[in-house]
Amino acid sequence: MASEPDTRRAFPRRRVPNVDMYCYRASPSATPQMRRNIGAEILDISQGGARVRVHEAVGRGETITLELRDRLSGESFRARGEVRWAAMDAPGHLLGVQFSEHYTPVGEREVFTLGASPTIKMAPAKEGGIALATQEKRQSERFNLKDYTVTVYRQGSLASQGLKRNVARTILDISSTGTQMELTEQMEAGALVQFTVHLNTLSDTLDVLAAVRWCRPDPGVAGSSYRAGLQFLNLGDAQRKKIEFMRKWFAKSKKK
């Protein structure tokens, strides 16, 4: 086995048992490519990166996407990173990956990188909206929209190369933390999507990254229809203010 390069670690490493690991390398081709999982196992992880074993050789400097899913809780972690070192180690190859971009919100990623308890706990899905922890329910008032156009695009290697398909059907309700929707396709919990709604009355648009928290078939709608709860990720102040303005506007319209 080739020795691991001497690296200075800014963050403590920890092992993450009972997780499934998926590793995808960035395609150098400009033509659409299907994602292929080359991951074998994760050895350890920190806030700054991870050591993983993969099934094929990956060069230093290449970009990969790492996805983890806890087999017991269903919690997921997703990040993009650069391969800082690579070594042969039968069976497979060892990689040292430095994270450059996190797709999992702060508070949830620490469940994997630090072994911390999640700051937001998801309750079982209930009819009528996204089921968040009790405290967040009180802070996030749901409201309905009128006269809008909505799109939901999957995020991933195919989407980044132009193969986008709108899976949105309609918005059932929305709040400062997420939205409940009807979709045309089944989606896995933890999947990332780009949610965009254009309000025709206000001539304004809200565009945010979101994660699918739950998704199930909707028996009340004919044809292929699924009800899903999306949680907004990494909202900025401008986006929060826009959602609050939307809430006040449609609440005022409802009273008329």
C-alpha atoms as a PDB file:
ATOM      1  CA  MET A   1       0.000   0.000   0.000  1.00  0.00           C
ATOM      2  CA  ALA A   2       1.314   3.437  -0.890  1.00  0.00           C
ATOM      3  CA  SER A   3       1.831   5.680   2.103  1.00  0.00           C
ATOM      4  CA  GLU A   4      -0.574   8.524   2.619  1.00  0.00           C
ATOM      5  CA  PRO A   5       0.933  11.964   2.009  1.00  0.00           C
ATOM      6  CA  ASP A   6       1.716  13.965   5.114  1.00  0.00           C
ATOM      7  CA  THR A   7      -1.117  16.482   5.295  1.00  0.00           C
ATOM      8  CA  ARG A   8      -1.794  19.051   7.975  1.00  0.00           C
ATOM      9  CA  ARG A   9      -5.345  18.578   9.188  1.00  0.00           C
ATOM     10  CA  ALA A  10      -7.264  21.641  10.308  1.00  0.00           C
ATOM     11  CA  PHE A  11     -10.259  19.557  11.452  1.00  0.00           C
ATOM     12  CA  PRO A  12     -10.462  16.319  13.459  1.00  0.00           C
ATOM     13  CA  ARG A  13     -11.496  13.225  11.530  1.00  0.00           C
ATOM     14  CA  ARG A  14     -14.198  10.802  12.563  1.00  0.00           C
ATOM     15  CA  ARG A  15     -15.461   7.498  11.239  1.00  0.00           C
ATOM     16  CA  VAL A  16     -19.069   7.283  10.054  1.00  0.00           C
ATOM     17  CA  PRO A  17     -20.399   3.718  10.360  1.00  0.00           C
ATOM     18  CA  ASN A  18     -23.662   2.456   8.868  1.00  0.00           C
ATOM     19  CA  VAL A  19     -23.700   4.816   5.901  1.00  0.00           C
ATOM     20  CA  ASP A  20     -23.980   4.236   2.170  1.00  0.00           C
ATOM     21  CA  MET A  21     -21.452   6.216   0.134  1.00  0.00           C
ATOM     22  CA  TYR A  22     -21.775   7.417  -3.443  1.00  0.00           C
ATOM     23  CA  CYS A  23     -18.919   9.070  -5.304  1.00  0.00           C
ATOM     24  CA  TYR A  24     -19.218  10.702  -8.729  1.00  0.00           C
ATOM     25  CA  ARG A  25     -16.403  12.226 -10.752  1.00  0.00           C
ATOM     26  CA  ALA A  26     -16.876  15.329 -12.894  1.00  0.00           C
ATOM     27  CA  SER A  27     -17.126  14.532 -16.586  1.00  0.00           C
ATOM     28  CA  PRO A  28     -14.537  16.256 -18.855  1.00  0.00           C
ATOM     29  CA  SER A  29     -16.865  15.819 -21.830  1.00  0.00           C
ATOM     30  CA  ALA A  30     -19.187  18.571 -23.000  1.00  0.00           C
ATOM     31  CA  THR A  31     -21.784  15.981 -24.030  1.00  0.00           C
ATOM     32  CA  PRO A  32     -24.314  14.657 -21.471  1.00  0.00           C
ATOM     33  CA  GLN A  33     -23.014  11.754 -19.376  1.00  0.00           C
ATOM     34  CA  MET A  34     -24.894   9.466 -16.997  1.00  0.00           C
ATOM     35  CA  ARG A  35     -23.546   9.654 -13.460  1.00  0.00           C
ATOM     36  CA  ARG A  36     -21.681   6.488 -12.439  1.00  0.00           C
ATOM     37  CA  ASN A  37     -21.024   5.658  -8.808  1.00  0.00           C
ATOM     38  CA  ILE A  38     -17.363   4.741  -8.256  1.00  0.00           C
ATOM     39  CA  GLY A  39     -17.542   4.785  -4.451  1.00  0.00           C
ATOM     40  CA  ALA A  40     -16.598   1.755  -2.342  1.00  0.00           C
ATOM     41  CA  GLU A  41     -16.419   3.008   1.263  1.00  0.00           C
ATOM     42  CA  ILE A  42     -15.683   6.068   3.372  1.00  0.00           C
ATOM     43  CA  LEU A  43     -12.809   5.751   5.814  1.00  0.00           C
ATOM     44  CA  ASP A  44     -13.303   8.983   7.742  1.00  0.00           C
ATOM     45  CA  ILE A  45     -14.631  12.516   7.366  1.00  0.00           C
ATOM     46  CA  SER A  46     -14.095  15.983   8.836  1.00  0.00           C
ATOM     47  CA  GLN A  47     -15.522  19.446   8.309  1.00  0.00           C
ATOM     48  CA  GLY A  48     -12.877  20.069   5.660  1.00  0.00           C
ATOM     49  CA  GLY A  49     -12.781  16.809   3.733  1.00  0.00           C
ATOM     50  CA  ALA A  50     -12.813  13.030   3.696  1.00  0.00           C
ATOM     51  CA  ARG A  51     -10.791   9.905   2.958  1.00  0.00           C
ATOM     52  CA  VAL A  52     -12.607   7.492   0.675  1.00  0.00           C
ATOM     53  CA  ARG A  53     -11.964   4.251  -1.180  1.00  0.00           C
ATOM     54  CA  VAL A  54     -13.128   4.108  -4.824  1.00  0.00           C
ATOM     55  CA  HIS A  55     -13.253   1.437  -7.535  1.00  0.00           C
ATOM     56  CA  GLU A  56     -11.165   3.241 -10.167  1.00  0.00           C
ATOM     57  CA  ALA A  57      -8.176   5.542 -10.382  1.00  0.00           C
ATOM     58  CA  VAL A  58      -8.875   9.263  -9.947  1.00  0.00           C
ATOM     59  CA  GLY A  59      -6.188  11.842 -10.565  1.00  0.00           C
ATOM     60  CA  ARG A  60      -5.002  14.508  -8.184  1.00  0.00           C
ATOM     61  CA  GLY A  61      -6.817  17.784  -8.837  1.00  0.00           C
ATOM     62  CA  GLU A  62      -9.967  16.126 -10.192  1.00  0.00           C
ATOM     63  CA  THR A  63     -13.349  17.212  -8.839  1.00  0.00           C
ATOM     64  CA  ILE A  64     -15.734  14.682  -7.322  1.00  0.00           C
ATOM     65  CA  THR A  65     -19.119  14.808  -5.610  1.00  0.00           C
ATOM     66  CA  LEU A  66     -19.488  12.806  -2.405  1.00  0.00           C
ATOM     67  CA  GLU A  67     -22.890  11.686  -1.116  1.00  0.00           C
ATOM     68  CA  LEU A  68     -23.571   9.869   2.174  1.00  0.00           C
ATOM     69  CA  ARG A  69     -26.811   8.430   3.503  1.00  0.00           C
ATOM     70  CA  ASP A  70     -27.324   7.077   7.019  1.00  0.00           C
ATOM     71  CA  ARG A  71     -28.961   3.644   6.787  1.00  0.00           C
ATOM     72  CA  LEU A  72     -30.835   4.056  10.074  1.00  0.00           C
ATOM     73  CA  SER A  73     -32.049   7.665  10.102  1.00  0.00           C
ATOM     74  CA  GLY A  74     -32.119   8.425   6.377  1.00  0.00           C
ATOM     75  CA  GLU A  75     -30.112  11.644   6.998  1.00  0.00           C
ATOM     76  CA  SER A  76     -28.011  12.617   3.983  1.00  0.00           C
ATOM     77  CA  PHE A  77     -24.811  14.572   3.297  1.00  0.00           C
ATOM     78  CA  ARG A  78     -23.621  15.932  -0.052  1.00  0.00           C
ATOM     79  CA  ALA A  79     -20.535  17.958  -0.941  1.00  0.00           C
ATOM     80  CA  ARG A  80     -18.228  18.679  -3.857  1.00  0.00           C
ATOM     81  CA  GLY A  81     -14.475  18.550  -3.436  1.00  0.00           C
ATOM     82  CA  GLU A  82     -11.030  18.355  -5.006  1.00  0.00           C
ATOM     83  CA  VAL A  83      -8.832  15.264  -4.862  1.00  0.00           C
ATOM     84  CA  ARG A  84      -5.684  16.390  -3.012  1.00  0.00           C
ATOM     85  CA  TRP A  85      -3.922  13.029  -3.049  1.00  0.00           C
ATOM     86  CA  ALA A  86      -4.503   9.547  -4.462  1.00  0.00           C
ATOM     87  CA  ALA A  87      -2.912   6.172  -3.701  1.00  0.00           C
ATOM     88  CA  MET A  88      -3.393   2.581  -4.869  1.00  0.00           C
ATOM     89  CA  ASP A  89      -4.691   0.273  -2.150  1.00  0.00           C
ATOM     90  CA  ALA A  90      -6.030  -3.129  -3.180  1.00  0.00           C
ATOM     91  CA  PRO A  91      -8.871  -3.506  -3.563  1.00  0.00           C
ATOM     92  CA  GLY A  92      -9.379  -0.119  -5.140  1.00  0.00           C
ATOM     93  CA  HIS A  93      -7.828   3.316  -4.666  1.00  0.00           C
ATOM     94  CA  LEU A  94      -7.664   5.706  -1.732  1.00  0.00           C
ATOM     95  CA  LEU A  95      -8.441   9.407  -2.168  1.00  0.00           C
ATOM     96  CA  GLY A  96      -8.003  12.419   0.069  1.00  0.00           C
ATOM     97  CA  VAL A  97     -10.743  14.928  -0.773  1.00  0.00           C
ATOM     98  CA  GLN A  98     -10.884  18.572   0.313  1.00  0.00           C
ATOM     99  CA  PHE A  99     -14.415  19.974   0.275  1.00  0.00           C
ATOM    100  CA  SER A 100     -14.918  23.128  -1.789  1.00  0.00           C
ATOM    101  CA  GLU A 101     -18.723  23.367  -1.794  1.00  0.00           C
ATOM    102  CA  HIS A 102     -21.337  21.989   0.597  1.00  0.00           C
ATOM    103  CA  TYR A 103     -24.853  21.158  -0.583  1.00  0.00           C
ATOM    104  CA  THR A 104     -26.076  20.120   2.883  1.00  0.00           C
ATOM    105  CA  PRO A 105     -27.160  22.981   5.193  1.00  0.00           C
ATOM    106  CA  VAL A 106     -25.170  23.924   8.289  1.00  0.00           C
ATOM    107  CA  GLY A 107     -26.575  22.034  11.259  1.00  0.00           C
ATOM    108  CA  GLU A 108     -27.333  18.954   9.179  1.00  0.00           C
ATOM    109  CA  ARG A 109     -23.859  18.378   7.737  1.00  0.00           C
ATOM    110  CA  GLU A 110     -22.395  18.360  11.280  1.00  0.00           C
ATOM    111  CA  VAL A 111     -24.368  15.174  11.971  1.00  0.00           C
ATOM    112  CA  PHE A 112     -21.816  13.471   9.706  1.00  0.00           C
ATOM    113  CA  THR A 113     -18.688  15.612  10.131  1.00  0.00           C
ATOM    114  CA  LEU A 114     -18.865  16.100  13.906  1.00  0.00           C
ATOM    115  CA  GLY A 115     -21.354  13.493  15.096  1.00  0.00           C
ATOM    116  CA  ALA A 116     -23.607  16.293  16.363  1.00  0.00           C
ATOM    117  CA  SER A 117     -27.360  16.120  16.786  1.00  0.00           C
ATOM    118  CA  PRO A 118     -29.279  17.754  13.916  1.00  0.00           C
ATOM    119  CA  THR A 119     -30.510  21.273  14.632  1.00  0.00           C
ATOM    120  CA  ILE A 120     -33.688  20.686  12.630  1.00  0.00           C
ATOM    121  CA  LYS A 121     -35.584  17.451  13.208  1.00  0.00           C
ATOM    122  CA  MET A 122     -38.135  16.302  10.672  1.00  0.00           C
ATOM    123  CA  ALA A 123     -41.378  14.913  12.051  1.00  0.00           C
ATOM    124  CA  PRO A 124     -43.383  12.329  10.078  1.00  0.00           C
ATOM    125  CA  ALA A 125     -45.048  13.888   7.044  1.00  0.00           C
ATOM    126  CA  LYS A 126     -48.645  14.987   7.632  1.00  0.00           C
ATOM    127  CA  GLU A 127     -51.389  16.163   5.331  1.00  0.00           C
ATOM    128  CA  GLY A 128     -51.295  19.884   4.731  1.00  0.00           C
ATOM    129  CA  GLY A 129     -47.610  20.789   4.527  1.00  0.00           C
ATOM    130  CA  ILE A 130     -43.997  20.270   5.402  1.00  0.00           C
ATOM    131  CA  ALA A 131     -43.739  18.696   8.845  1.00  0.00           C
ATOM    132  CA  LEU A 132     -40.885  20.391  10.663  1.00  0.00           C
ATOM    133  CA  ALA A 133     -40.026  20.490  14.331  1.00  0.00           C
ATOM    134  CA  THR A 134     -42.676  22.046  16.564  1.00  0.00           C
ATOM    135  CA  GLN A 135     -40.760  25.260  17.162  1.00  0.00           C
ATOM    136  CA  GLU A 136     -40.177  25.854  13.451  1.00  0.00           C
ATOM    137  CA  LYS A 137     -43.850  25.233  12.711  1.00  0.00           C
ATOM    138  CA  ARG A 138     -44.755  28.166  14.960  1.00  0.00           C
ATOM    139  CA  GLN A 139     -42.203  30.413  13.270  1.00  0.00           C
ATOM    140  CA  SER A 140     -43.142  29.513   9.671  1.00  0.00           C
ATOM    141  CA  GLU A 141     -46.651  30.533   8.683  1.00  0.00           C
ATOM    142  CA  ARG A 142     -47.885  28.813   5.551  1.00  0.00           C
ATOM    143  CA  PHE A 143     -49.823  30.746   2.911  1.00  0.00           C
ATOM    144  CA  ASN A 144     -51.181  30.228  -0.595  1.00  0.00           C
ATOM    145  CA  LEU A 145     -50.173  31.884  -3.860  1.00  0.00           C
ATOM    146  CA  LYS A 146     -52.279  33.034  -6.789  1.00  0.00           C
ATOM    147  CA  ASP A 147     -51.509  33.818 -10.438  1.00  0.00           C
ATOM    148  CA  TYR A 148     -48.001  32.355 -10.630  1.00  0.00           C
ATOM    149  CA  THR A 149     -45.720  30.235 -12.798  1.00  0.00           C
ATOM    150  CA  VAL A 150     -43.533  27.629 -11.068  1.00  0.00           C
ATOM    151  CA  THR A 151     -40.629  25.437 -12.179  1.00  0.00           C
ATOM    152  CA  VAL A 152     -38.699  22.762 -10.294  1.00  0.00           C
ATOM    153  CA  TYR A 153     -35.530  21.401 -11.871  1.00  0.00           C
ATOM    154  CA  ARG A 154     -33.446  18.531 -10.545  1.00  0.00           C
ATOM    155  CA  GLN A 155     -29.855  19.423  -9.691  1.00  0.00           C
ATOM    156  CA  GLY A 156     -26.975  17.165 -10.778  1.00  0.00           C
ATOM    157  CA  SER A 157     -24.588  16.371 -13.596  1.00  0.00           C
ATOM    158  CA  LEU A 158     -27.313  16.042 -16.241  1.00  0.00           C
ATOM    159  CA  ALA A 159     -29.066  19.238 -15.180  1.00  0.00           C
ATOM    160  CA  SER A 160     -25.788  21.177 -15.290  1.00  0.00           C
ATOM    161  CA  GLN A 161     -25.332  20.148 -18.923  1.00  0.00           C
ATOM    162  CA  GLY A 162     -28.703  21.418 -20.058  1.00  0.00           C
ATOM    163  CA  LEU A 163     -30.931  18.358 -19.688  1.00  0.00           C
ATOM    164  CA  LYS A 164     -33.517  20.145 -17.558  1.00  0.00           C
ATOM    165  CA  ARG A 165     -37.109  19.004 -17.220  1.00  0.00           C
ATOM    166  CA  ASN A 166     -39.670  20.905 -15.188  1.00  0.00           C
ATOM    167  CA  VAL A 167     -41.265  18.484 -12.680  1.00  0.00           C
ATOM    168  CA  ALA A 168     -43.506  21.084 -10.990  1.00  0.00           C
ATOM    169  CA  ARG A 169     -47.281  20.833 -11.216  1.00  0.00           C
ATOM    170  CA  THR A 170     -48.646  23.281  -8.638  1.00  0.00           C
ATOM    171  CA  ILE A 171     -47.833  24.903  -5.273  1.00  0.00           C
ATOM    172  CA  LEU A 172     -50.107  23.800  -2.433  1.00  0.00           C
ATOM    173  CA  ASP A 173     -48.651  26.173   0.163  1.00  0.00           C
ATOM    174  CA  ILE A 174     -45.428  28.012   0.942  1.00  0.00           C
ATOM    175  CA  SER A 175     -43.655  29.430   3.989  1.00  0.00           C
ATOM    176  CA  SER A 176     -40.361  31.071   4.921  1.00  0.00           C
ATOM    177  CA  THR A 177     -38.723  27.630   5.252  1.00  0.00           C
ATOM    178  CA  GLY A 178     -40.187  25.641   2.367  1.00  0.00           C
ATOM    179  CA  THR A 179     -43.128  24.657   0.236  1.00  0.00           C
ATOM    180  CA  GLN A 180     -45.535  21.796  -0.308  1.00  0.00           C
ATOM    181  CA  MET A 181     -46.047  20.957  -3.975  1.00  0.00           C
ATOM    182  CA  GLU A 182     -47.512  18.583  -6.483  1.00  0.00           C
ATOM    183  CA  LEU A 183     -44.858  17.147  -8.819  1.00  0.00           C
ATOM    184  CA  THR A 184     -45.073  15.100 -11.997  1.00  0.00           C
ATOM    185  CA  GLU A 185     -42.275  12.719 -10.951  1.00  0.00           C
ATOM    186  CA  GLN A 186     -41.250  10.765  -7.862  1.00  0.00           C
ATOM    187  CA  MET A 187     -38.177  12.213  -6.115  1.00  0.00           C
ATOM    188  CA  GLU A 188     -35.933  10.783  -3.403  1.00  0.00           C
ATOM    189  CA  ALA A 189     -35.697  12.404   0.018  1.00  0.00           C
ATOM    190  CA  GLY A 190     -32.515  14.483   0.109  1.00  0.00           C
ATOM    191  CA  ALA A 191     -32.513  15.260  -3.619  1.00  0.00           C
ATOM    192  CA  LEU A 192     -31.616  18.851  -4.523  1.00  0.00           C
ATOM    193  CA  VAL A 193     -33.801  20.951  -6.803  1.00  0.00           C
ATOM    194  CA  GLN A 194     -33.916  24.514  -8.089  1.00  0.00           C
ATOM    195  CA  PHE A 195     -37.280  26.045  -7.187  1.00  0.00           C
ATOM    196  CA  THR A 196     -38.429  29.140  -9.101  1.00  0.00           C
ATOM    197  CA  VAL A 197     -41.799  30.857  -8.832  1.00  0.00           C
ATOM    198  CA  HIS A 198     -42.760  33.944 -10.839  1.00  0.00           C
ATOM    199  CA  LEU A 199     -45.621  36.025  -9.431  1.00  0.00           C
ATOM    200  CA  ASN A 200     -47.472  37.562 -12.335  1.00  0.00           C
ATOM    201  CA  THR A 201     -49.367  40.054 -10.152  1.00  0.00           C
ATOM    202  CA  LEU A 202     -46.182  41.418  -8.562  1.00  0.00           C
ATOM    203  CA  SER A 203     -43.926  40.943 -11.605  1.00  0.00           C
ATOM    204  CA  ASP A 204     -41.360  39.401  -9.276  1.00  0.00           C
ATOM    205  CA  THR A 205     -39.522  36.069  -9.038  1.00  0.00           C
ATOM    206  CA  LEU A 206     -38.265  33.932  -6.146  1.00  0.00           C
ATOM    207  CA  ASP A 207     -35.430  31.559  -7.071  1.00  0.00           C
ATOM    208  CA  VAL A 208     -33.978  29.266  -4.380  1.00  0.00           C
ATOM    209  CA  LEU A 209     -32.122  25.979  -3.934  1.00  0.00           C
ATOM    210  CA  ALA A 210     -34.217  23.414  -2.064  1.00  0.00           C
ATOM    211  CA  ALA A 211     -34.010  19.863  -0.742  1.00  0.00           C
ATOM    212  CA  VAL A 212     -36.751  17.257  -1.005  1.00  0.00           C
ATOM    213  CA  ARG A 213     -37.736  16.229   2.537  1.00  0.00           C
ATOM    214  CA  TRP A 214     -40.515  13.784   1.625  1.00  0.00           C
ATOM    215  CA  CYS A 215     -42.362  12.676  -1.482  1.00  0.00           C
ATOM    216  CA  ARG A 216     -45.306  10.289  -1.942  1.00  0.00           C
ATOM    217  CA  PRO A 217     -47.932   9.499  -4.598  1.00  0.00           C
ATOM    218  CA  ASP A 218     -51.037  11.693  -4.529  1.00  0.00           C
ATOM    219  CA  PRO A 219     -54.062   9.385  -4.938  1.00  0.00           C
ATOM    220  CA  GLY A 220     -56.410  12.353  -5.239  1.00  0.00           C
ATOM    221  CA  VAL A 221     -55.015  13.439  -8.632  1.00  0.00           C
ATOM    222  CA  ALA A 222     -55.497  11.451 -11.834  1.00  0.00           C
ATOM    223  CA  GLY A 223     -52.351  10.468 -13.693  1.00  0.00           C
ATOM    224  CA  SER A 224     -48.758  10.708 -12.479  1.00  0.00           C
ATOM    225  CA  SER A 225     -48.811  13.084  -9.530  1.00  0.00           C
ATOM    226  CA  TYR A 226     -46.754  13.209  -6.352  1.00  0.00           C
ATOM    227  CA  ARG A 227     -47.020  15.396  -3.291  1.00  0.00           C
ATOM    228  CA  ALA A 228     -43.667  16.592  -1.915  1.00  0.00           C
ATOM    229  CA  GLY A 229     -42.275  18.822   0.813  1.00  0.00           C
ATOM    230  CA  LEU A 230     -39.290  20.998  -0.136  1.00  0.00           C
ATOM    231  CA  GLN A 231     -37.049  22.778   2.347  1.00  0.00           C
ATOM    232  CA  PHE A 232     -35.364  25.991   1.208  1.00  0.00           C
ATOM    233  CA  LEU A 233     -31.575  26.043   1.619  1.00  0.00           C
ATOM    234  CA  ASN A 234     -29.147  28.892   2.269  1.00  0.00           C
ATOM    235  CA  LEU A 235     -31.678  31.715   1.990  1.00  0.00           C
ATOM    236  CA  GLY A 236     -30.225  35.211   1.859  1.00  0.00           C
ATOM    237  CA  ASP A 237     -31.733  38.297   3.473  1.00  0.00           C
ATOM    238  CA  ALA A 238     -33.191  39.487   0.163  1.00  0.00           C
ATOM    239  CA  GLN A 239     -34.942  36.150  -0.388  1.00  0.00           C
ATOM    240  CA  ARG A 240     -36.337  36.096   3.161  1.00  0.00           C
ATOM    241  CA  LYS A 241     -37.672  39.621   2.778  1.00  0.00           C
ATOM    242  CA  LYS A 242     -39.251  38.666  -0.541  1.00  0.00           C
ATOM    243  CA  ILE A 243     -41.067  35.685   1.011  1.00  0.00           C
ATOM    244  CA  GLU A 244     -42.284  37.867   3.889  1.00  0.00           C
ATOM    245  CA  PHE A 245     -43.572  40.472   1.428  1.00  0.00           C
ATOM    246  CA  MET A 246     -45.356  37.705  -0.495  1.00  0.00           C
ATOM    247  CA  ARG A 247     -46.978  36.471   2.734  1.00  0.00           C
ATOM    248  CA  LYS A 248     -48.267  39.936   3.641  1.00  0.00           C
ATOM    249  CA  TRP A 249     -49.446  40.648   0.103  1.00  0.00           C
ATOM    250  CA  PHE A 250     -51.485  37.475  -0.293  1.00  0.00           C
ATOM    251  CA  ALA A 251     -52.814  37.699   3.267  1.00  0.00           C
ATOM    252  CA  LYS A 252     -54.048  41.226   2.433  1.00  0.00           C
ATOM    253  CA  SER A 253     -55.572  40.006  -0.858  1.00  0.00           C
ATOM    254  CA  LYS A 254     -57.394  37.235   1.005  1.00  0.00           C
ATOM    255  CA  LYS A 255     -59.092  39.715   3.349  1.00  0.00           C
ATOM    256  CA  LYS A 256     -60.549  41.785   0.525  1.00  0.00           C
END
